[in-house]
Amino acid sequence: MNSHAQPTPAVAVKGLEKRYGSLQALSGVSLEVEPGTLFGLLGQNGAGKTTLIKILLGLVAPTGGRASLLGQPVGGLAARREVGYLPEDHRLPDYHTAPSLLDFYGALQGLTRRERQARIPPLLEMLGLKGREKLRIRGYSKGMKQRLGLAQALLHRPRVLFLDEPTDGIDPVGRKEIRDVLLEEQRSGVTVFINSHLLGEVEQLCDRVAIMRRGHLLVSGTVAELTHIKPSWLVGFDSSPADLCWEACQLEPARPGLWRVHLDSPGPDGLDRFLAEAQSRGLRLRHLEAERATLEDLYLALATHDRQAP
């Protein structure tokens, strides 16, 4: 047995095509997601994200290409048993309480009564729903419904989790709690596939990201690979450096106490010259940070160009 064999991808897509009449929803999409990855899928409305997820869930048949989950063809029983799913616009039967709803879904998922009784209470506690066991879902806020939707997706301990806007309607504290839940799932080996418009949250949470546009996969990689260092620095001194400027340097306020420095020579030599000049004027350095592009920068750049990115 080869101990160095690559693990079977949790998600594998090759040349995936999907056409709805004259509409080409997916155009030759290929990607792989390794097990235990927090993967973010980004793109504007109509980019093809929902179509891709529906194909991976076996809800829609592709026009061409191949797709598999954990080495099994998508749509088959073996693949479906390993998948948890939280759709964006889920509708939970509101006459249920949280325990009765999860008990019902757990039975559909093949969990025994004993398994359901053991799984449901800690799951409700983990997602901040403990103490609301007698409240019917019709009395839930949007954020509580979202938490319960995530609970049903996690109920049968899936190996691949598809989440469509998982923190929609949830306050900042709740978003932090859900991020912690997803990180814990990742540590246990679960692959989490997130479709979200919250770019900052995706950047903070995900290991790898892909951006789609008009049915094409434009870029895919780690957050570090897709963002890059800008030719500018954030600096802070013990006093204002407003007059610290020359023809090869531009200085502008960035945020309280910090200034943004643009250098014609952004490498070490240009920075060393700037810092030496500051020191010669009696300025004491308190903060120095290379600015990085964000996923939002990349996303907006791709969204505003008609051509595909390389």
C-alpha atoms as a PDB file:
ATOM      1  CA  MET A   1       0.000   0.000   0.000  1.00  0.00           C
ATOM      2  CA  ASN A   2       1.346   3.427  -0.929  1.00  0.00           C
ATOM      3  CA  SER A   3       1.440   5.559   2.238  1.00  0.00           C
ATOM      4  CA  HIS A   4       1.963   8.668   0.112  1.00  0.00           C
ATOM      5  CA  ALA A   5      -1.200   8.242  -1.965  1.00  0.00           C
ATOM      6  CA  GLN A   6      -3.256  11.418  -2.229  1.00  0.00           C
ATOM      7  CA  PRO A   7      -6.554  11.365  -0.309  1.00  0.00           C
ATOM      8  CA  THR A   8      -9.732  11.112  -2.335  1.00  0.00           C
ATOM      9  CA  PRO A   9     -11.081  14.652  -2.854  1.00  0.00           C
ATOM     10  CA  ALA A  10     -14.203  15.494  -0.898  1.00  0.00           C
ATOM     11  CA  VAL A  11     -15.493  17.328  -3.979  1.00  0.00           C
ATOM     12  CA  ALA A  12     -14.221  16.685  -7.504  1.00  0.00           C
ATOM     13  CA  VAL A  13     -15.609  18.469 -10.561  1.00  0.00           C
ATOM     14  CA  LYS A  14     -14.222  18.088 -14.078  1.00  0.00           C
ATOM     15  CA  GLY A  15     -15.429  20.027 -17.132  1.00  0.00           C
ATOM     16  CA  LEU A  16     -18.884  20.512 -15.664  1.00  0.00           C
ATOM     17  CA  GLU A  17     -21.459  21.956 -18.052  1.00  0.00           C
ATOM     18  CA  LYS A  18     -25.072  22.875 -17.499  1.00  0.00           C
ATOM     19  CA  ARG A  19     -27.449  24.406 -20.000  1.00  0.00           C
ATOM     20  CA  TYR A  20     -31.039  25.501 -19.455  1.00  0.00           C
ATOM     21  CA  GLY A  21     -32.335  25.938 -22.993  1.00  0.00           C
ATOM     22  CA  SER A  22     -30.298  28.794 -24.459  1.00  0.00           C
ATOM     23  CA  LEU A  23     -28.814  29.726 -21.079  1.00  0.00           C
ATOM     24  CA  GLN A  24     -25.333  28.337 -20.360  1.00  0.00           C
ATOM     25  CA  ALA A  25     -25.315  28.214 -16.552  1.00  0.00           C
ATOM     26  CA  LEU A  26     -21.965  26.377 -16.220  1.00  0.00           C
ATOM     27  CA  SER A  27     -19.171  26.377 -18.784  1.00  0.00           C
ATOM     28  CA  GLY A  28     -16.508  23.740 -18.189  1.00  0.00           C
ATOM     29  CA  VAL A  29     -16.083  24.204 -14.434  1.00  0.00           C
ATOM     30  CA  SER A  30     -13.296  22.122 -12.846  1.00  0.00           C
ATOM     31  CA  LEU A  31     -12.197  22.130  -9.204  1.00  0.00           C
ATOM     32  CA  GLU A  32     -11.178  19.853  -6.345  1.00  0.00           C
ATOM     33  CA  VAL A  33     -11.739  20.326  -2.622  1.00  0.00           C
ATOM     34  CA  GLU A  34      -9.646  18.245  -0.246  1.00  0.00           C
ATOM     35  CA  PRO A  35     -11.192  16.607   2.841  1.00  0.00           C
ATOM     36  CA  GLY A  36     -11.328  18.805   5.914  1.00  0.00           C
ATOM     37  CA  THR A  37     -11.261  22.072   3.931  1.00  0.00           C
ATOM     38  CA  LEU A  38     -13.339  25.149   4.647  1.00  0.00           C
ATOM     39  CA  PHE A  39     -14.099  26.180   1.068  1.00  0.00           C
ATOM     40  CA  GLY A  40     -15.750  29.447   0.069  1.00  0.00           C
ATOM     41  CA  LEU A  41     -17.639  29.868  -3.209  1.00  0.00           C
ATOM     42  CA  LEU A  42     -18.100  33.475  -4.303  1.00  0.00           C
ATOM     43  CA  GLY A  43     -19.807  35.165  -7.217  1.00  0.00           C
ATOM     44  CA  GLN A  44     -22.577  37.558  -8.164  1.00  0.00           C
ATOM     45  CA  ASN A  45     -26.158  36.458  -8.617  1.00  0.00           C
ATOM     46  CA  GLY A  46     -26.330  34.431 -11.819  1.00  0.00           C
ATOM     47  CA  ALA A  47     -22.684  33.354 -11.626  1.00  0.00           C
ATOM     48  CA  GLY A  48     -23.631  29.659 -11.485  1.00  0.00           C
ATOM     49  CA  LYS A  49     -22.974  28.989  -7.789  1.00  0.00           C
ATOM     50  CA  THR A  50     -26.432  27.621  -7.021  1.00  0.00           C
ATOM     51  CA  THR A  51     -26.423  25.444 -10.135  1.00  0.00           C
ATOM     52  CA  LEU A  52     -23.053  23.987  -9.152  1.00  0.00           C
ATOM     53  CA  ILE A  53     -24.247  23.189  -5.624  1.00  0.00           C
ATOM     54  CA  LYS A  54     -27.485  21.630  -6.905  1.00  0.00           C
ATOM     55  CA  ILE A  55     -25.479  19.359  -9.193  1.00  0.00           C
ATOM     56  CA  LEU A  56     -23.205  18.344  -6.316  1.00  0.00           C
ATOM     57  CA  LEU A  57     -26.275  17.561  -4.215  1.00  0.00           C
ATOM     58  CA  GLY A  58     -27.768  15.450  -6.995  1.00  0.00           C
ATOM     59  CA  LEU A  59     -30.747  17.775  -7.390  1.00  0.00           C
ATOM     60  CA  VAL A  60     -29.885  18.782 -10.964  1.00  0.00           C
ATOM     61  CA  ALA A  61     -28.296  16.659 -13.687  1.00  0.00           C
ATOM     62  CA  PRO A  62     -25.337  18.188 -15.547  1.00  0.00           C
ATOM     63  CA  THR A  63     -25.362  18.609 -19.320  1.00  0.00           C
ATOM     64  CA  GLY A  64     -21.740  17.485 -19.512  1.00  0.00           C
ATOM     65  CA  GLY A  65     -18.681  16.747 -17.409  1.00  0.00           C
ATOM     66  CA  ARG A  66     -18.276  14.772 -14.188  1.00  0.00           C
ATOM     67  CA  ALA A  67     -18.787  15.414 -10.468  1.00  0.00           C
ATOM     68  CA  SER A  68     -18.210  13.254  -7.401  1.00  0.00           C
ATOM     69  CA  LEU A  69     -18.376  13.495  -3.625  1.00  0.00           C
ATOM     70  CA  LEU A  70     -15.898  11.465  -1.558  1.00  0.00           C
ATOM     71  CA  GLY A  71     -15.167   9.391  -4.649  1.00  0.00           C
ATOM     72  CA  GLN A  72     -18.838   8.530  -5.236  1.00  0.00           C
ATOM     73  CA  PRO A  73     -20.937   9.820  -8.165  1.00  0.00           C
ATOM     74  CA  VAL A  74     -23.111  12.744  -7.119  1.00  0.00           C
ATOM     75  CA  GLY A  75     -26.769  11.923  -6.670  1.00  0.00           C
ATOM     76  CA  GLY A  76     -26.161   8.331  -5.593  1.00  0.00           C
ATOM     77  CA  LEU A  77     -27.332   7.068  -2.211  1.00  0.00           C
ATOM     78  CA  ALA A  78     -23.766   6.566  -0.954  1.00  0.00           C
ATOM     79  CA  ALA A  79     -22.910  10.217  -1.628  1.00  0.00           C
ATOM     80  CA  ARG A  80     -26.173  11.636  -0.288  1.00  0.00           C
ATOM     81  CA  ARG A  81     -25.781   9.847   3.053  1.00  0.00           C
ATOM     82  CA  GLU A  82     -22.583  11.790   3.709  1.00  0.00           C
ATOM     83  CA  VAL A  83     -23.994  15.255   2.917  1.00  0.00           C
ATOM     84  CA  GLY A  84     -25.541  17.921   5.129  1.00  0.00           C
ATOM     85  CA  TYR A  85     -27.234  20.878   3.459  1.00  0.00           C
ATOM     86  CA  LEU A  86     -28.517  24.267   4.589  1.00  0.00           C
ATOM     87  CA  PRO A  87     -30.259  26.075   1.706  1.00  0.00           C
ATOM     88  CA  GLU A  88     -30.490  29.856   1.705  1.00  0.00           C
ATOM     89  CA  ASP A  89     -34.289  30.103   1.725  1.00  0.00           C
ATOM     90  CA  HIS A  90     -35.133  27.098   3.840  1.00  0.00           C
ATOM     91  CA  ARG A  91     -38.663  26.705   5.174  1.00  0.00           C
ATOM     92  CA  LEU A  92     -39.020  24.787   8.430  1.00  0.00           C
ATOM     93  CA  PRO A  93     -42.473  23.447   9.431  1.00  0.00           C
ATOM     94  CA  ASP A  94     -43.367  26.076  12.026  1.00  0.00           C
ATOM     95  CA  TYR A  95     -45.780  23.918  14.051  1.00  0.00           C
ATOM     96  CA  HIS A  96     -42.775  21.909  15.318  1.00  0.00           C
ATOM     97  CA  THR A  97     -40.551  22.659  18.252  1.00  0.00           C
ATOM     98  CA  ALA A  98     -36.804  22.370  17.677  1.00  0.00           C
ATOM     99  CA  PRO A  99     -36.524  18.909  19.316  1.00  0.00           C
ATOM    100  CA  SER A 100     -39.546  17.507  17.453  1.00  0.00           C
ATOM    101  CA  LEU A 101     -38.289  18.887  14.137  1.00  0.00           C
ATOM    102  CA  LEU A 102     -34.821  17.403  14.583  1.00  0.00           C
ATOM    103  CA  ASP A 103     -36.330  14.117  15.738  1.00  0.00           C
ATOM    104  CA  PHE A 104     -38.405  14.006  12.540  1.00  0.00           C
ATOM    105  CA  TYR A 105     -35.453  14.852  10.293  1.00  0.00           C
ATOM    106  CA  GLY A 106     -33.212  12.429  12.160  1.00  0.00           C
ATOM    107  CA  ALA A 107     -35.658   9.609  11.508  1.00  0.00           C
ATOM    108  CA  LEU A 108     -35.680  10.480   7.804  1.00  0.00           C
ATOM    109  CA  GLN A 109     -31.874  10.385   7.858  1.00  0.00           C
ATOM    110  CA  GLY A 110     -31.912   6.864   9.296  1.00  0.00           C
ATOM    111  CA  LEU A 111     -30.837   7.665  12.855  1.00  0.00           C
ATOM    112  CA  THR A 112     -32.232   5.331  15.515  1.00  0.00           C
ATOM    113  CA  ARG A 113     -34.376   6.754  18.301  1.00  0.00           C
ATOM    114  CA  ARG A 114     -31.516   6.291  20.753  1.00  0.00           C
ATOM    115  CA  GLU A 115     -29.119   8.094  18.406  1.00  0.00           C
ATOM    116  CA  ARG A 116     -31.559  10.967  18.012  1.00  0.00           C
ATOM    117  CA  GLN A 117     -32.091  11.290  21.754  1.00  0.00           C
ATOM    118  CA  ALA A 118     -28.338  11.380  22.322  1.00  0.00           C
ATOM    119  CA  ARG A 119     -27.562  13.790  19.473  1.00  0.00           C
ATOM    120  CA  ILE A 120     -30.284  16.459  19.664  1.00  0.00           C
ATOM    121  CA  PRO A 121     -29.774  18.070  23.128  1.00  0.00           C
ATOM    122  CA  PRO A 122     -26.020  18.782  22.739  1.00  0.00           C
ATOM    123  CA  LEU A 123     -26.616  20.018  19.199  1.00  0.00           C
ATOM    124  CA  LEU A 124     -29.225  22.535  20.392  1.00  0.00           C
ATOM    125  CA  GLU A 125     -26.877  23.675  23.143  1.00  0.00           C
ATOM    126  CA  MET A 126     -23.961  24.023  20.726  1.00  0.00           C
ATOM    127  CA  LEU A 127     -26.046  26.258  18.437  1.00  0.00           C
ATOM    128  CA  GLY A 128     -27.452  28.456  21.202  1.00  0.00           C
ATOM    129  CA  LEU A 129     -30.991  27.041  21.206  1.00  0.00           C
ATOM    130  CA  LYS A 130     -30.963  25.448  24.650  1.00  0.00           C
ATOM    131  CA  GLY A 131     -33.820  26.697  26.806  1.00  0.00           C
ATOM    132  CA  ARG A 132     -36.141  27.143  23.828  1.00  0.00           C
ATOM    133  CA  GLU A 133     -37.126  23.498  23.485  1.00  0.00           C
ATOM    134  CA  LYS A 134     -40.848  24.179  24.115  1.00  0.00           C
ATOM    135  CA  LEU A 135     -41.132  27.161  21.794  1.00  0.00           C
ATOM    136  CA  ARG A 136     -42.709  26.448  18.439  1.00  0.00           C
ATOM    137  CA  ILE A 137     -40.699  27.466  15.387  1.00  0.00           C
ATOM    138  CA  ARG A 138     -43.347  30.029  14.376  1.00  0.00           C
ATOM    139  CA  GLY A 139     -42.110  32.077  17.340  1.00  0.00           C
ATOM    140  CA  TYR A 140     -38.454  31.958  16.230  1.00  0.00           C
ATOM    141  CA  SER A 141     -36.529  34.943  14.928  1.00  0.00           C
ATOM    142  CA  LYS A 142     -34.773  34.667  11.566  1.00  0.00           C
ATOM    143  CA  GLY A 143     -31.464  34.080  13.315  1.00  0.00           C
ATOM    144  CA  MET A 144     -32.912  31.281  15.467  1.00  0.00           C
ATOM    145  CA  LYS A 145     -34.365  29.608  12.373  1.00  0.00           C
ATOM    146  CA  GLN A 146     -30.956  29.824  10.742  1.00  0.00           C
ATOM    147  CA  ARG A 147     -29.332  28.153  13.757  1.00  0.00           C
ATOM    148  CA  LEU A 148     -31.955  25.397  13.680  1.00  0.00           C
ATOM    149  CA  GLY A 149     -31.405  24.925   9.953  1.00  0.00           C
ATOM    150  CA  LEU A 150     -27.712  24.415  10.631  1.00  0.00           C
ATOM    151  CA  ALA A 151     -28.571  21.941  13.387  1.00  0.00           C
ATOM    152  CA  GLN A 152     -30.563  19.790  10.949  1.00  0.00           C
ATOM    153  CA  ALA A 153     -27.659  19.883   8.495  1.00  0.00           C
ATOM    154  CA  LEU A 154     -25.270  18.643  11.194  1.00  0.00           C
ATOM    155  CA  LEU A 155     -27.645  16.152  12.804  1.00  0.00           C
ATOM    156  CA  HIS A 156     -26.454  12.958  11.088  1.00  0.00           C
ATOM    157  CA  ARG A 157     -22.751  13.900  11.325  1.00  0.00           C
ATOM    158  CA  PRO A 158     -22.139  14.439   7.589  1.00  0.00           C
ATOM    159  CA  ARG A 159     -18.652  14.315   6.089  1.00  0.00           C
ATOM    160  CA  VAL A 160     -19.436  17.105   3.602  1.00  0.00           C
ATOM    161  CA  LEU A 161     -21.474  20.142   4.586  1.00  0.00           C
ATOM    162  CA  PHE A 162     -23.003  22.529   2.018  1.00  0.00           C
ATOM    163  CA  LEU A 163     -24.075  25.867   3.492  1.00  0.00           C
ATOM    164  CA  ASP A 164     -25.816  28.612   1.513  1.00  0.00           C
ATOM    165  CA  GLU A 165     -25.469  31.951   3.360  1.00  0.00           C
ATOM    166  CA  PRO A 166     -25.142  30.211   6.766  1.00  0.00           C
ATOM    167  CA  THR A 167     -24.998  33.409   8.865  1.00  0.00           C
ATOM    168  CA  ASP A 168     -27.818  35.255   7.101  1.00  0.00           C
ATOM    169  CA  GLY A 169     -29.922  37.138   9.662  1.00  0.00           C
ATOM    170  CA  ILE A 170     -27.552  36.413  12.541  1.00  0.00           C
ATOM    171  CA  ASP A 171     -25.986  39.142  14.688  1.00  0.00           C
ATOM    172  CA  PRO A 172     -22.190  39.522  15.013  1.00  0.00           C
ATOM    173  CA  VAL A 173     -22.008  37.501  18.239  1.00  0.00           C
ATOM    174  CA  GLY A 174     -24.030  34.719  16.638  1.00  0.00           C
ATOM    175  CA  ARG A 175     -21.815  34.774  13.532  1.00  0.00           C
ATOM    176  CA  LYS A 176     -18.772  34.297  15.748  1.00  0.00           C
ATOM    177  CA  GLU A 177     -20.461  31.349  17.476  1.00  0.00           C
ATOM    178  CA  ILE A 178     -21.315  29.734  14.145  1.00  0.00           C
ATOM    179  CA  ARG A 179     -17.761  30.255  12.884  1.00  0.00           C
ATOM    180  CA  ASP A 180     -16.555  28.419  15.978  1.00  0.00           C
ATOM    181  CA  VAL A 181     -18.977  25.552  15.269  1.00  0.00           C
ATOM    182  CA  LEU A 182     -17.761  25.266  11.676  1.00  0.00           C
ATOM    183  CA  LEU A 183     -14.108  25.342  12.747  1.00  0.00           C
ATOM    184  CA  GLU A 184     -14.824  22.535  15.200  1.00  0.00           C
ATOM    185  CA  GLU A 185     -16.487  20.518  12.426  1.00  0.00           C
ATOM    186  CA  GLN A 186     -13.420  21.098  10.265  1.00  0.00           C
ATOM    187  CA  ARG A 187     -11.132  19.871  13.054  1.00  0.00           C
ATOM    188  CA  SER A 188     -13.142  16.650  13.120  1.00  0.00           C
ATOM    189  CA  GLY A 189     -12.469  16.163   9.389  1.00  0.00           C
ATOM    190  CA  VAL A 190     -15.682  17.562   7.900  1.00  0.00           C
ATOM    191  CA  THR A 191     -15.417  19.406   4.578  1.00  0.00           C
ATOM    192  CA  VAL A 192     -17.427  22.646   4.679  1.00  0.00           C
ATOM    193  CA  PHE A 193     -18.514  24.195   1.367  1.00  0.00           C
ATOM    194  CA  ILE A 194     -19.844  27.733   1.911  1.00  0.00           C
ATOM    195  CA  ASN A 195     -21.692  29.969  -0.525  1.00  0.00           C
ATOM    196  CA  SER A 196     -21.770  33.499   0.898  1.00  0.00           C
ATOM    197  CA  HIS A 197     -21.818  37.183  -0.026  1.00  0.00           C
ATOM    198  CA  LEU A 198     -20.050  38.162   3.217  1.00  0.00           C
ATOM    199  CA  LEU A 199     -16.572  38.466   1.737  1.00  0.00           C
ATOM    200  CA  GLY A 200     -14.869  39.477   4.964  1.00  0.00           C
ATOM    201  CA  GLU A 201     -16.308  36.494   6.764  1.00  0.00           C
ATOM    202  CA  VAL A 202     -15.266  34.107   3.983  1.00  0.00           C
ATOM    203  CA  GLU A 203     -11.758  35.565   4.049  1.00  0.00           C
ATOM    204  CA  GLN A 204     -11.600  35.145   7.822  1.00  0.00           C
ATOM    205  CA  LEU A 205     -12.990  31.617   7.898  1.00  0.00           C
ATOM    206  CA  CYS A 206     -12.106  29.741   4.726  1.00  0.00           C
ATOM    207  CA  ASP A 207      -8.887  27.945   3.755  1.00  0.00           C
ATOM    208  CA  ARG A 208      -9.581  28.042   0.032  1.00  0.00           C
ATOM    209  CA  VAL A 209     -11.826  30.183  -2.141  1.00  0.00           C
ATOM    210  CA  ALA A 210     -13.171  30.099  -5.699  1.00  0.00           C
ATOM    211  CA  ILE A 211     -14.788  32.988  -7.568  1.00  0.00           C
ATOM    212  CA  MET A 212     -17.297  32.359 -10.359  1.00  0.00           C
ATOM    213  CA  ARG A 213     -18.650  34.654 -13.035  1.00  0.00           C
ATOM    214  CA  ARG A 214     -21.217  33.905 -15.751  1.00  0.00           C
ATOM    215  CA  GLY A 215     -20.783  30.147 -15.434  1.00  0.00           C
ATOM    216  CA  HIS A 216     -16.979  30.238 -15.465  1.00  0.00           C
ATOM    217  CA  LEU A 217     -14.613  29.527 -12.589  1.00  0.00           C
ATOM    218  CA  LEU A 218     -12.327  32.569 -12.711  1.00  0.00           C
ATOM    219  CA  VAL A 219      -9.881  31.884  -9.884  1.00  0.00           C
ATOM    220  CA  SER A 220      -9.396  29.256  -7.185  1.00  0.00           C
ATOM    221  CA  GLY A 221      -6.789  28.941  -4.458  1.00  0.00           C
ATOM    222  CA  THR A 222      -5.913  29.736  -0.872  1.00  0.00           C
ATOM    223  CA  VAL A 223      -6.772  33.145   0.497  1.00  0.00           C
ATOM    224  CA  ALA A 224      -3.042  33.919   0.664  1.00  0.00           C
ATOM    225  CA  GLU A 225      -2.618  32.979  -3.010  1.00  0.00           C
ATOM    226  CA  LEU A 226      -5.537  35.118  -4.147  1.00  0.00           C
ATOM    227  CA  THR A 227      -4.569  38.191  -2.153  1.00  0.00           C
ATOM    228  CA  HIS A 228      -1.239  39.935  -2.472  1.00  0.00           C
ATOM    229  CA  ILE A 229       0.903  42.637  -0.948  1.00  0.00           C
ATOM    230  CA  LYS A 230       0.125  46.119  -2.261  1.00  0.00           C
ATOM    231  CA  PRO A 231       2.867  48.662  -3.073  1.00  0.00           C
ATOM    232  CA  SER A 232       1.885  50.620   0.039  1.00  0.00           C
ATOM    233  CA  TRP A 233       2.518  50.575   3.772  1.00  0.00           C
ATOM    234  CA  LEU A 234       0.602  51.630   6.861  1.00  0.00           C
ATOM    235  CA  VAL A 235       2.842  53.569   9.238  1.00  0.00           C
ATOM    236  CA  GLY A 236       2.358  55.205  12.590  1.00  0.00           C
ATOM    237  CA  PHE A 237       4.697  57.619  14.359  1.00  0.00           C
ATOM    238  CA  ASP A 238       4.699  59.382  17.703  1.00  0.00           C
ATOM    239  CA  SER A 239       3.701  62.578  15.898  1.00  0.00           C
ATOM    240  CA  SER A 240       2.246  63.585  12.542  1.00  0.00           C
ATOM    241  CA  PRO A 241       4.470  62.809   9.520  1.00  0.00           C
ATOM    242  CA  ALA A 242       2.401  65.058   7.236  1.00  0.00           C
ATOM    243  CA  ASP A 243       5.425  66.880   5.813  1.00  0.00           C
ATOM    244  CA  LEU A 244       7.439  63.677   5.309  1.00  0.00           C
ATOM    245  CA  CYS A 245       7.133  63.478   1.533  1.00  0.00           C
ATOM    246  CA  TRP A 246       9.160  63.843  -1.650  1.00  0.00           C
ATOM    247  CA  GLU A 247       8.730  63.126  -5.347  1.00  0.00           C
ATOM    248  CA  ALA A 248       9.034  59.324  -4.888  1.00  0.00           C
ATOM    249  CA  CYS A 249       6.634  59.180  -1.961  1.00  0.00           C
ATOM    250  CA  GLN A 250       2.936  59.876  -1.426  1.00  0.00           C
ATOM    251  CA  LEU A 251       1.454  60.112   2.052  1.00  0.00           C
ATOM    252  CA  GLU A 252      -2.218  60.142   3.012  1.00  0.00           C
ATOM    253  CA  PRO A 253      -4.229  59.610   6.223  1.00  0.00           C
ATOM    254  CA  ALA A 254      -5.482  56.021   6.483  1.00  0.00           C
ATOM    255  CA  ARG A 255      -7.226  55.789   9.829  1.00  0.00           C
ATOM    256  CA  PRO A 256      -6.730  57.426  13.239  1.00  0.00           C
ATOM    257  CA  GLY A 257      -3.039  57.353  14.105  1.00  0.00           C
ATOM    258  CA  LEU A 258      -1.990  55.657  10.850  1.00  0.00           C
ATOM    259  CA  TRP A 259      -0.841  56.956   7.465  1.00  0.00           C
ATOM    260  CA  ARG A 260      -0.684  55.215   4.115  1.00  0.00           C
ATOM    261  CA  VAL A 261       2.627  55.519   2.293  1.00  0.00           C
ATOM    262  CA  HIS A 262       2.863  54.911  -1.470  1.00  0.00           C
ATOM    263  CA  LEU A 263       6.441  54.489  -2.680  1.00  0.00           C
ATOM    264  CA  ASP A 264       7.638  54.576  -6.279  1.00  0.00           C
ATOM    265  CA  SER A 265      10.162  51.940  -5.157  1.00  0.00           C
ATOM    266  CA  PRO A 266       7.999  49.707  -2.932  1.00  0.00           C
ATOM    267  CA  GLY A 267      10.794  47.258  -2.138  1.00  0.00           C
ATOM    268  CA  PRO A 268      13.198  47.326   0.830  1.00  0.00           C
ATOM    269  CA  ASP A 269      15.329  50.164  -0.573  1.00  0.00           C
ATOM    270  CA  GLY A 270      12.406  52.554  -0.929  1.00  0.00           C
ATOM    271  CA  LEU A 271      11.060  51.676   2.503  1.00  0.00           C
ATOM    272  CA  ASP A 272      14.506  52.014   4.111  1.00  0.00           C
ATOM    273  CA  ARG A 273      14.901  55.466   2.585  1.00  0.00           C
ATOM    274  CA  PHE A 274      11.481  56.528   3.896  1.00  0.00           C
ATOM    275  CA  LEU A 275      12.175  55.270   7.424  1.00  0.00           C
ATOM    276  CA  ALA A 276      15.644  56.839   7.465  1.00  0.00           C
ATOM    277  CA  GLU A 277      14.131  60.164   6.412  1.00  0.00           C
ATOM    278  CA  ALA A 278      11.529  59.883   9.176  1.00  0.00           C
ATOM    279  CA  GLN A 279      14.206  59.152  11.770  1.00  0.00           C
ATOM    280  CA  SER A 280      16.293  62.112  10.610  1.00  0.00           C
ATOM    281  CA  ARG A 281      13.280  64.351  11.308  1.00  0.00           C
ATOM    282  CA  GLY A 282      12.895  63.004  14.835  1.00  0.00           C
ATOM    283  CA  LEU A 283       9.875  60.790  14.166  1.00  0.00           C
ATOM    284  CA  ARG A 284       9.733  57.592  16.199  1.00  0.00           C
ATOM    285  CA  LEU A 285       8.142  54.598  14.446  1.00  0.00           C
ATOM    286  CA  ARG A 286       5.199  53.005  16.296  1.00  0.00           C
ATOM    287  CA  HIS A 287       3.531  50.916  13.577  1.00  0.00           C
ATOM    288  CA  LEU A 288       4.622  49.382  10.271  1.00  0.00           C
ATOM    289  CA  GLU A 289       2.422  47.097   8.194  1.00  0.00           C
ATOM    290  CA  ALA A 290       2.523  45.997   4.566  1.00  0.00           C
ATOM    291  CA  GLU A 291      -0.935  46.436   3.087  1.00  0.00           C
ATOM    292  CA  ARG A 292      -2.558  43.424   1.496  1.00  0.00           C
ATOM    293  CA  ALA A 293      -5.281  43.203  -1.052  1.00  0.00           C
ATOM    294  CA  THR A 294      -8.475  41.614   0.246  1.00  0.00           C
ATOM    295  CA  LEU A 295     -10.914  39.171  -1.289  1.00  0.00           C
ATOM    296  CA  GLU A 296     -13.217  42.143  -1.709  1.00  0.00           C
ATOM    297  CA  ASP A 297     -10.572  43.912  -3.814  1.00  0.00           C
ATOM    298  CA  LEU A 298     -10.203  40.841  -6.037  1.00  0.00           C
ATOM    299  CA  TYR A 299     -13.938  40.182  -6.200  1.00  0.00           C
ATOM    300  CA  LEU A 300     -14.741  43.759  -7.238  1.00  0.00           C
ATOM    301  CA  ALA A 301     -11.952  43.775  -9.813  1.00  0.00           C
ATOM    302  CA  LEU A 302     -13.308  40.598 -11.412  1.00  0.00           C
ATOM    303  CA  ALA A 303     -16.899  41.813 -11.198  1.00  0.00           C
ATOM    304  CA  THR A 304     -16.122  45.020 -13.068  1.00  0.00           C
ATOM    305  CA  HIS A 305     -14.220  43.451 -15.973  1.00  0.00           C
ATOM    306  CA  ASP A 306     -15.879  41.694 -18.884  1.00  0.00           C
ATOM    307  CA  ARG A 307     -12.920  39.465 -19.629  1.00  0.00           C
ATOM    308  CA  GLN A 308     -11.967  36.451 -17.538  1.00  0.00           C
ATOM    309  CA  ALA A 309      -9.073  36.724 -15.140  1.00  0.00           C
ATOM    310  CA  PRO A 310      -6.022  34.632 -15.929  1.00  0.00           C
END
